[in-house]
PDB file of all heavy atoms in Angstrom:
ATOM      1  N   GLU A   1     -50.177 143.884  50.272  1.00  0.00           N
ATOM      2  CA  GLU A   1     -49.676 142.802  51.119  1.00  0.00           C
ATOM      3  C   GLU A   1     -48.523 143.320  51.977  1.00  0.00           C
ATOM      4  O   GLU A   1     -47.633 144.013  51.496  1.00  0.00           O
ATOM      5  CB  GLU A   1     -49.228 141.634  50.235  1.00  0.00           C
ATOM      6  CG  GLU A   1     -49.133 140.302  50.941  1.00  0.00           C
ATOM      7  CD  GLU A   1     -47.767 140.090  51.577  1.00  0.00           C
ATOM      8  OE1 GLU A   1     -46.767 140.588  51.023  1.00  0.00           O
ATOM      9  OE2 GLU A   1     -47.707 139.432  52.640  1.00  0.00           O
ATOM     10  N   LYS A   2     -48.539 142.975  53.255  1.00  0.00           N
ATOM     11  CA  LYS A   2     -47.590 143.539  54.210  1.00  0.00           C
ATOM     12  C   LYS A   2     -46.140 143.317  53.795  1.00  0.00           C
ATOM     13  O   LYS A   2     -45.311 144.229  53.849  1.00  0.00           O
ATOM     14  CB  LYS A   2     -47.845 142.945  55.597  1.00  0.00           C
ATOM     15  CG  LYS A   2     -46.963 143.526  56.687  1.00  0.00           C
ATOM     16  CD  LYS A   2     -47.217 142.861  58.023  1.00  0.00           C
ATOM     17  CE  LYS A   2     -48.616 143.101  58.531  1.00  0.00           C
ATOM     18  NZ  LYS A   2     -48.816 142.557  59.904  1.00  0.00           N
ATOM     19  N   ARG A   3     -45.817 142.117  53.362  1.00  0.00           N
ATOM     20  CA  ARG A   3     -44.426 141.820  52.995  1.00  0.00           C
ATOM     21  C   ARG A   3     -43.983 142.662  51.803  1.00  0.00           C
ATOM     22  O   ARG A   3     -42.848 143.157  51.756  1.00  0.00           O
ATOM     23  CB  ARG A   3     -44.284 140.335  52.680  1.00  0.00           C
ATOM     24  CG  ARG A   3     -42.848 139.902  52.402  1.00  0.00           C
ATOM     25  CD  ARG A   3     -42.766 138.402  52.220  1.00  0.00           C
ATOM     26  NE  ARG A   3     -43.184 137.692  53.423  1.00  0.00           N
ATOM     27  CZ  ARG A   3     -43.245 136.368  53.508  1.00  0.00           C
ATOM     28  NH1 ARG A   3     -42.932 135.614  52.476  1.00  0.00           N
ATOM     29  NH2 ARG A   3     -43.624 135.793  54.637  1.00  0.00           N
ATOM     30  N   ALA A   4     -44.891 142.847  50.833  1.00  0.00           N
ATOM     31  CA  ALA A   4     -44.557 143.647  49.654  1.00  0.00           C
ATOM     32  C   ALA A   4     -44.332 145.106  50.035  1.00  0.00           C
ATOM     33  O   ALA A   4     -43.433 145.769  49.495  1.00  0.00           O
ATOM     34  CB  ALA A   4     -45.664 143.525  48.616  1.00  0.00           C
ATOM     35  N   ILE A   5     -45.142 145.628  50.949  1.00  0.00           N
ATOM     36  CA  ILE A   5     -44.992 147.014  51.376  1.00  0.00           C
ATOM     37  C   ILE A   5     -43.666 147.210  52.101  1.00  0.00           C
ATOM     38  O   ILE A   5     -42.936 148.176  51.849  1.00  0.00           O
ATOM     39  CB  ILE A   5     -46.171 147.426  52.275  1.00  0.00           C
ATOM     40  CG1 ILE A   5     -47.465 147.461  51.461  1.00  0.00           C
ATOM     41  CG2 ILE A   5     -45.913 148.792  52.921  1.00  0.00           C
ATOM     42  CD1 ILE A   5     -48.707 147.650  52.300  1.00  0.00           C
ATOM     43  N   ARG A   6     -43.332 146.289  52.996  1.00  0.00           N
ATOM     44  CA  ARG A   6     -42.060 146.416  53.723  1.00  0.00           C
ATOM     45  C   ARG A   6     -40.873 146.335  52.775  1.00  0.00           C
ATOM     46  O   ARG A   6     -39.876 147.067  52.942  1.00  0.00           O
ATOM     47  CB  ARG A   6     -41.972 145.339  54.802  1.00  0.00           C
ATOM     48  CG  ARG A   6     -42.951 145.564  55.944  1.00  0.00           C
ATOM     49  CD  ARG A   6     -42.784 144.540  57.057  1.00  0.00           C
ATOM     50  NE  ARG A   6     -43.750 144.788  58.123  1.00  0.00           N
ATOM     51  CZ  ARG A   6     -43.849 144.039  59.223  1.00  0.00           C
ATOM     52  NH1 ARG A   6     -43.031 143.014  59.398  1.00  0.00           N
ATOM     53  NH2 ARG A   6     -44.748 144.337  60.146  1.00  0.00           N
ATOM     54  N   ALA A   7     -40.965 145.480  51.754  1.00  0.00           N
ATOM     55  CA  ALA A   7     -39.888 145.370  50.776  1.00  0.00           C
ATOM     56  C   ALA A   7     -39.768 146.660  49.971  1.00  0.00           C
ATOM     57  O   ALA A   7     -38.656 147.133  49.697  1.00  0.00           O
ATOM     58  CB  ALA A   7     -40.138 144.181  49.852  1.00  0.00           C
ATOM     59  N   ALA A   8     -40.910 147.269  49.601  1.00  0.00           N
ATOM     60  CA  ALA A   8     -40.887 148.511  48.836  1.00  0.00           C
ATOM     61  C   ALA A   8     -40.272 149.645  49.651  1.00  0.00           C
ATOM     62  O   ALA A   8     -39.497 150.452  49.122  1.00  0.00           O
ATOM     63  CB  ALA A   8     -42.300 148.876  48.394  1.00  0.00           C
ATOM     64  N   VAL A   9     -40.611 149.708  50.927  1.00  0.00           N
ATOM     65  CA  VAL A   9     -40.045 150.744  51.794  1.00  0.00           C
ATOM     66  C   VAL A   9     -38.543 150.532  51.952  1.00  0.00           C
ATOM     67  O   VAL A   9     -37.750 151.484  51.871  1.00  0.00           O
ATOM     68  CB  VAL A   9     -40.747 150.757  53.163  1.00  0.00           C
ATOM     69  CG1 VAL A   9     -40.015 151.671  54.145  1.00  0.00           C
ATOM     70  CG2 VAL A   9     -42.202 151.189  53.013  1.00  0.00           C
ATOM     71  N   ALA A  10     -38.130 149.297  52.176  1.00  0.00           N
ATOM     72  CA  ALA A  10     -36.699 149.000  52.315  1.00  0.00           C
ATOM     73  C   ALA A  10     -35.934 149.372  51.047  1.00  0.00           C
ATOM     74  O   ALA A  10     -34.837 149.951  51.108  1.00  0.00           O
ATOM     75  CB  ALA A  10     -36.506 147.521  52.645  1.00  0.00           C
ATOM     76  N   ASP A  11     -36.514 149.065  49.881  1.00  0.00           N
ATOM     77  CA  ASP A  11     -35.856 149.406  48.618  1.00  0.00           C
ATOM     78  C   ASP A  11     -35.751 150.916  48.448  1.00  0.00           C
ATOM     79  O   ASP A  11     -34.727 151.427  47.972  1.00  0.00           O
ATOM     80  CB  ASP A  11     -36.641 148.814  47.442  1.00  0.00           C
ATOM     81  CG  ASP A  11     -36.512 147.300  47.345  1.00  0.00           C
ATOM     82  OD1 ASP A  11     -35.613 146.740  48.006  1.00  0.00           O
ATOM     83  OD2 ASP A  11     -37.318 146.682  46.618  1.00  0.00           O
ATOM     84  N   ALA A  12     -36.788 151.620  48.847  1.00  0.00           N
ATOM     85  CA  ALA A  12     -36.783 153.081  48.707  1.00  0.00           C
ATOM     86  C   ALA A  12     -35.706 153.730  49.561  1.00  0.00           C
ATOM     87  O   ALA A  12     -35.153 154.769  49.181  1.00  0.00           O
ATOM     88  CB  ALA A  12     -38.152 153.637  49.083  1.00  0.00           C
ATOM     89  N   LEU A  13     -35.411 153.109  50.689  1.00  0.00           N
ATOM     90  CA  LEU A  13     -34.472 153.713  51.631  1.00  0.00           C
ATOM     91  C   LEU A  13     -33.034 153.227  51.450  1.00  0.00           C
ATOM     92  O   LEU A  13     -32.164 153.557  52.255  1.00  0.00           O
ATOM     93  CB  LEU A  13     -34.946 153.444  53.059  1.00  0.00           C
ATOM     94  CG  LEU A  13     -36.308 154.051  53.407  1.00  0.00           C
ATOM     95  CD1 LEU A  13     -36.672 153.758  54.848  1.00  0.00           C
ATOM     96  CD2 LEU A  13     -36.338 155.544  53.133  1.00  0.00           C
ATOM     97  N   ILE A  14     -32.794 152.460  50.386  1.00  0.00           N
ATOM     98  CA  ILE A  14     -31.409 152.070  50.089  1.00  0.00           C
ATOM     99  C   ILE A  14     -30.567 153.313  49.816  1.00  0.00           C
ATOM    100  O   ILE A  14     -29.397 153.395  50.213  1.00  0.00           O
ATOM    101  CB  ILE A  14     -31.377 151.105  48.883  1.00  0.00           C
ATOM    102  CG1 ILE A  14     -31.942 149.743  49.297  1.00  0.00           C
ATOM    103  CG2 ILE A  14     -29.946 150.951  48.364  1.00  0.00           C
ATOM    104  CD1 ILE A  14     -32.064 148.763  48.150  1.00  0.00           C
ATOM    105  N   ASP A  15     -31.181 154.282  49.146  1.00  0.00           N
ATOM    106  CA  ASP A  15     -30.506 155.558  48.900  1.00  0.00           C
ATOM    107  C   ASP A  15     -30.493 156.357  50.196  1.00  0.00           C
ATOM    108  O   ASP A  15     -31.550 156.763  50.699  1.00  0.00           O
ATOM    109  CB  ASP A  15     -31.251 156.328  47.811  1.00  0.00           C
ATOM    110  CG  ASP A  15     -30.573 157.655  47.463  1.00  0.00           C
ATOM    111  OD1 ASP A  15     -29.652 158.077  48.188  1.00  0.00           O
ATOM    112  OD2 ASP A  15     -31.000 158.280  46.467  1.00  0.00           O
ATOM    113  N   PRO A  16     -29.338 156.630  50.766  1.00  0.00           N
ATOM    114  CA  PRO A  16     -29.281 157.335  52.054  1.00  0.00           C
ATOM    115  C   PRO A  16     -29.750 158.777  51.981  1.00  0.00           C
ATOM    116  O   PRO A  16     -30.000 159.405  53.016  1.00  0.00           O
ATOM    117  CB  PRO A  16     -27.792 157.260  52.438  1.00  0.00           C
ATOM    118  CG  PRO A  16     -27.079 157.095  51.135  1.00  0.00           C
ATOM    119  CD  PRO A  16     -27.996 156.288  50.269  1.00  0.00           C
ATOM    120  N   ASP A  17     -29.890 159.320  50.776  1.00  0.00           N
ATOM    121  CA  ASP A  17     -30.317 160.707  50.630  1.00  0.00           C
ATOM    122  C   ASP A  17     -31.831 160.868  50.622  1.00  0.00           C
ATOM    123  O   ASP A  17     -32.329 162.006  50.660  1.00  0.00           O
ATOM    124  CB  ASP A  17     -29.747 161.303  49.335  1.00  0.00           C
ATOM    125  CG  ASP A  17     -28.228 161.451  49.392  1.00  0.00           C
ATOM    126  OD1 ASP A  17     -27.698 161.671  50.506  1.00  0.00           O
ATOM    127  OD2 ASP A  17     -27.585 161.334  48.338  1.00  0.00           O
ATOM    128  N   VAL A  18     -32.571 159.758  50.563  1.00  0.00           N
ATOM    129  CA  VAL A  18     -34.027 159.851  50.546  1.00  0.00           C
ATOM    130  C   VAL A  18     -34.516 160.403  51.881  1.00  0.00           C
ATOM    131  O   VAL A  18     -34.184 159.878  52.948  1.00  0.00           O
ATOM    132  CB  VAL A  18     -34.676 158.479  50.277  1.00  0.00           C
ATOM    133  CG1 VAL A  18     -36.185 158.533  50.525  1.00  0.00           C
ATOM    134  CG2 VAL A  18     -34.399 158.038  48.856  1.00  0.00           C
ATOM    135  N   SER A  19     -35.314 161.460  51.817  1.00  0.00           N
ATOM    136  CA  SER A  19     -35.802 162.088  53.045  1.00  0.00           C
ATOM    137  C   SER A  19     -37.321 162.128  53.130  1.00  0.00           C
ATOM    138  O   SER A  19     -37.862 162.480  54.176  1.00  0.00           O
ATOM    139  CB  SER A  19     -35.255 163.516  53.167  1.00  0.00           C
ATOM    140  OG  SER A  19     -35.663 164.289  52.055  1.00  0.00           O
ATOM    141  N   ARG A  20     -38.014 161.780  52.026  1.00  0.00           N
ATOM    142  CA  ARG A  20     -39.485 161.815  52.041  1.00  0.00           C
ATOM    143  C   ARG A  20     -40.047 160.693  51.183  1.00  0.00           C
ATOM    144  O   ARG A  20     -39.562 160.424  50.080  1.00  0.00           O
ATOM    145  CB  ARG A  20     -40.005 163.155  51.539  1.00  0.00           C
ATOM    146  CG  ARG A  20     -41.535 163.235  51.457  1.00  0.00           C
ATOM    147  CD  ARG A  20     -42.012 164.628  51.084  1.00  0.00           C
ATOM    148  NE  ARG A  20     -41.659 165.611  52.126  1.00  0.00           N
ATOM    149  CZ  ARG A  20     -42.005 166.893  52.080  1.00  0.00           C
ATOM    150  NH1 ARG A  20     -42.713 167.356  51.046  1.00  0.00           N
ATOM    151  NH2 ARG A  20     -41.647 167.721  53.055  1.00  0.00           N
ATOM    152  N   ILE A  21     -41.095 160.052  51.712  1.00  0.00           N
ATOM    153  CA  ILE A  21     -41.847 159.039  50.973  1.00  0.00           C
ATOM    154  C   ILE A  21     -43.243 159.594  50.719  1.00  0.00           C
ATOM    155  O   ILE A  21     -43.885 160.122  51.630  1.00  0.00           O
ATOM    156  CB  ILE A  21     -41.929 157.722  51.768  1.00  0.00           C
ATOM    157  CG1 ILE A  21     -40.575 156.998  51.753  1.00  0.00           C
ATOM    158  CG2 ILE A  21     -43.009 156.810  51.217  1.00  0.00           C
ATOM    159  CD1 ILE A  21     -40.552 155.743  52.590  1.00  0.00           C
ATOM    160  N   VAL A  22     -43.694 159.476  49.482  1.00  0.00           N
ATOM    161  CA  VAL A  22     -45.052 159.880  49.122  1.00  0.00           C
ATOM    162  C   VAL A  22     -45.892 158.615  48.965  1.00  0.00           C
ATOM    163  O   VAL A  22     -45.632 157.791  48.091  1.00  0.00           O
ATOM    164  CB  VAL A  22     -45.085 160.701  47.828  1.00  0.00           C
ATOM    165  CG1 VAL A  22     -46.532 161.061  47.474  1.00  0.00           C
ATOM    166  CG2 VAL A  22     -44.245 161.959  47.974  1.00  0.00           C
ATOM    167  N   VAL A  23     -46.874 158.458  49.822  1.00  0.00           N
ATOM    168  CA  VAL A  23     -47.704 157.251  49.853  1.00  0.00           C
ATOM    169  C   VAL A  23     -48.975 157.496  49.053  1.00  0.00           C
ATOM    170  O   VAL A  23     -49.780 158.371  49.402  1.00  0.00           O
ATOM    171  CB  VAL A  23     -48.056 156.859  51.300  1.00  0.00           C
ATOM    172  CG1 VAL A  23     -48.875 155.566  51.319  1.00  0.00           C
ATOM    173  CG2 VAL A  23     -46.791 156.708  52.131  1.00  0.00           C
ATOM    174  N   THR A  24     -49.162 156.706  47.990  1.00  0.00           N
ATOM    175  CA  THR A  24     -50.337 156.850  47.131  1.00  0.00           C
ATOM    176  C   THR A  24     -51.083 155.522  47.076  1.00  0.00           C
ATOM    177  O   THR A  24     -50.670 154.597  46.375  1.00  0.00           O
ATOM    178  CB  THR A  24     -49.944 157.287  45.708  1.00  0.00           C
ATOM    179  OG1 THR A  24     -49.150 158.473  45.771  1.00  0.00           O
ATOM    180  CG2 THR A  24     -51.186 157.543  44.862  1.00  0.00           C
ATOM    181  N   PRO A  25     -52.174 155.404  47.818  1.00  0.00           N
ATOM    182  CA  PRO A  25     -52.961 154.167  47.789  1.00  0.00           C
ATOM    183  C   PRO A  25     -53.913 154.153  46.599  1.00  0.00           C
ATOM    184  O   PRO A  25     -54.133 155.172  45.942  1.00  0.00           O
ATOM    185  CB  PRO A  25     -53.751 154.236  49.101  1.00  0.00           C
ATOM    186  CG  PRO A  25     -53.987 155.710  49.272  1.00  0.00           C
ATOM    187  CD  PRO A  25     -52.761 156.401  48.731  1.00  0.00           C
ATOM    188  N   LEU A  26     -54.484 152.986  46.321  1.00  0.00           N
ATOM    189  CA  LEU A  26     -55.579 152.910  45.379  1.00  0.00           C
ATOM    190  C   LEU A  26     -56.809 153.580  45.997  1.00  0.00           C
ATOM    191  O   LEU A  26     -56.930 153.675  47.222  1.00  0.00           O
ATOM    192  CB  LEU A  26     -55.891 151.456  45.037  1.00  0.00           C
ATOM    193  CG  LEU A  26     -54.790 150.692  44.288  1.00  0.00           C
ATOM    194  CD1 LEU A  26     -55.187 149.231  44.122  1.00  0.00           C
ATOM    195  CD2 LEU A  26     -54.500 151.328  42.927  1.00  0.00           C
ATOM    196  N   ASP A  27     -57.702 154.043  45.158  1.00  0.00           N
ATOM    197  CA  ASP A  27     -58.906 154.699  45.638  1.00  0.00           C
ATOM    198  C   ASP A  27     -59.878 153.647  46.174  1.00  0.00           C
ATOM    199  O   ASP A  27     -60.300 152.752  45.435  1.00  0.00           O
ATOM    200  CB  ASP A  27     -59.559 155.484  44.501  1.00  0.00           C
ATOM    201  CG  ASP A  27     -60.572 156.494  45.001  1.00  0.00           C
ATOM    202  OD1 ASP A  27     -60.686 156.663  46.223  1.00  0.00           O
ATOM    203  OD2 ASP A  27     -61.248 157.111  44.160  1.00  0.00           O
ATOM    204  N   GLY A  28     -60.187 153.710  47.461  1.00  0.00           N
ATOM    205  CA  GLY A  28     -61.097 152.721  48.022  1.00  0.00           C
ATOM    206  C   GLY A  28     -60.996 152.638  49.526  1.00  0.00           C
ATOM    207  O   GLY A  28     -60.271 153.410  50.171  1.00  0.00           O
ATOM    208  N   ALA A  29     -61.687 151.655  50.076  1.00  0.00           N
ATOM    209  CA  ALA A  29     -61.789 151.533  51.532  1.00  0.00           C
ATOM    210  C   ALA A  29     -60.472 151.175  52.198  1.00  0.00           C
ATOM    211  O   ALA A  29     -60.300 151.403  53.392  1.00  0.00           O
ATOM    212  CB  ALA A  29     -62.840 150.479  51.876  1.00  0.00           C
ATOM    213  N   GLY A  30     -59.526 150.629  51.456  1.00  0.00           N
ATOM    214  CA  GLY A  30     -58.259 150.209  52.059  1.00  0.00           C
ATOM    215  C   GLY A  30     -57.160 151.244  52.032  1.00  0.00           C
ATOM    216  O   GLY A  30     -56.012 150.937  52.388  1.00  0.00           O
ATOM    217  N   ALA A  31     -57.491 152.485  51.649  1.00  0.00           N
ATOM    218  CA  ALA A  31     -56.450 153.502  51.496  1.00  0.00           C
ATOM    219  C   ALA A  31     -55.706 153.782  52.804  1.00  0.00           C
ATOM    220  O   ALA A  31     -54.470 153.817  52.845  1.00  0.00           O
ATOM    221  CB  ALA A  31     -57.055 154.789  50.947  1.00  0.00           C
ATOM    222  N   ASP A  32     -56.442 153.991  53.892  1.00  0.00           N
ATOM    223  CA  ASP A  32     -55.793 154.290  55.174  1.00  0.00           C
ATOM    224  C   ASP A  32     -54.981 153.108  55.678  1.00  0.00           C
ATOM    225  O   ASP A  32     -53.923 153.288  56.298  1.00  0.00           O
ATOM    226  CB  ASP A  32     -56.836 154.701  56.208  1.00  0.00           C
ATOM    227  CG  ASP A  32     -57.378 156.098  55.978  1.00  0.00           C
ATOM    228  OD1 ASP A  32     -56.811 156.846  55.161  1.00  0.00           O
ATOM    229  OD2 ASP A  32     -58.388 156.453  56.624  1.00  0.00           O
ATOM    230  N   ALA A  33     -55.458 151.898  55.440  1.00  0.00           N
ATOM    231  CA  ALA A  33     -54.715 150.707  55.867  1.00  0.00           C
ATOM    232  C   ALA A  33     -53.373 150.637  55.145  1.00  0.00           C
ATOM    233  O   ALA A  33     -52.366 150.208  55.725  1.00  0.00           O
ATOM    234  CB  ALA A  33     -55.535 149.448  55.605  1.00  0.00           C
ATOM    235  N   TYR A  34     -53.344 151.055  53.890  1.00  0.00           N
ATOM    236  CA  TYR A  34     -52.087 151.057  53.127  1.00  0.00           C
ATOM    237  C   TYR A  34     -51.101 152.053  53.738  1.00  0.00           C
ATOM    238  O   TYR A  34     -49.926 151.728  53.958  1.00  0.00           O
ATOM    239  CB  TYR A  34     -52.370 151.388  51.671  1.00  0.00           C
ATOM    240  CG  TYR A  34     -51.167 151.261  50.782  1.00  0.00           C
ATOM    241  CD1 TYR A  34     -50.705 150.019  50.378  1.00  0.00           C
ATOM    242  CD2 TYR A  34     -50.468 152.386  50.356  1.00  0.00           C
ATOM    243  CE1 TYR A  34     -49.588 149.887  49.571  1.00  0.00           C
ATOM    244  CE2 TYR A  34     -49.346 152.279  49.548  1.00  0.00           C
ATOM    245  CZ  TYR A  34     -48.915 151.020  49.153  1.00  0.00           C
ATOM    246  OH  TYR A  34     -47.797 150.899  48.357  1.00  0.00           O
ATOM    247  N   LEU A  35     -51.577 153.266  54.016  1.00  0.00           N
ATOM    248  CA  LEU A  35     -50.711 154.256  54.674  1.00  0.00           C
ATOM    249  C   LEU A  35     -50.204 153.718  56.003  1.00  0.00           C
ATOM    250  O   LEU A  35     -49.008 153.851  56.324  1.00  0.00           O
ATOM    251  CB  LEU A  35     -51.483 155.554  54.896  1.00  0.00           C
ATOM    252  CG  LEU A  35     -50.784 156.607  55.774  1.00  0.00           C
ATOM    253  CD1 LEU A  35     -49.494 157.084  55.131  1.00  0.00           C
ATOM    254  CD2 LEU A  35     -51.728 157.783  56.052  1.00  0.00           C
ATOM    255  N   ALA A  36     -51.082 153.109  56.793  1.00  0.00           N
ATOM    256  CA  ALA A  36     -50.687 152.595  58.105  1.00  0.00           C
ATOM    257  C   ALA A  36     -49.581 151.554  57.981  1.00  0.00           C
ATOM    258  O   ALA A  36     -48.653 151.518  58.799  1.00  0.00           O
ATOM    259  CB  ALA A  36     -51.899 151.993  58.813  1.00  0.00           C
TER     260      ALA A  36
END
């Protein structure tokens, strides 16, 4: 869900030292949509 993804990204970036996000989707047709 878009709102959940944006919240997860915002939470991940609270730490100013974070420089890389590793995106791991579920296996299936929606994997690329999750990365996007």
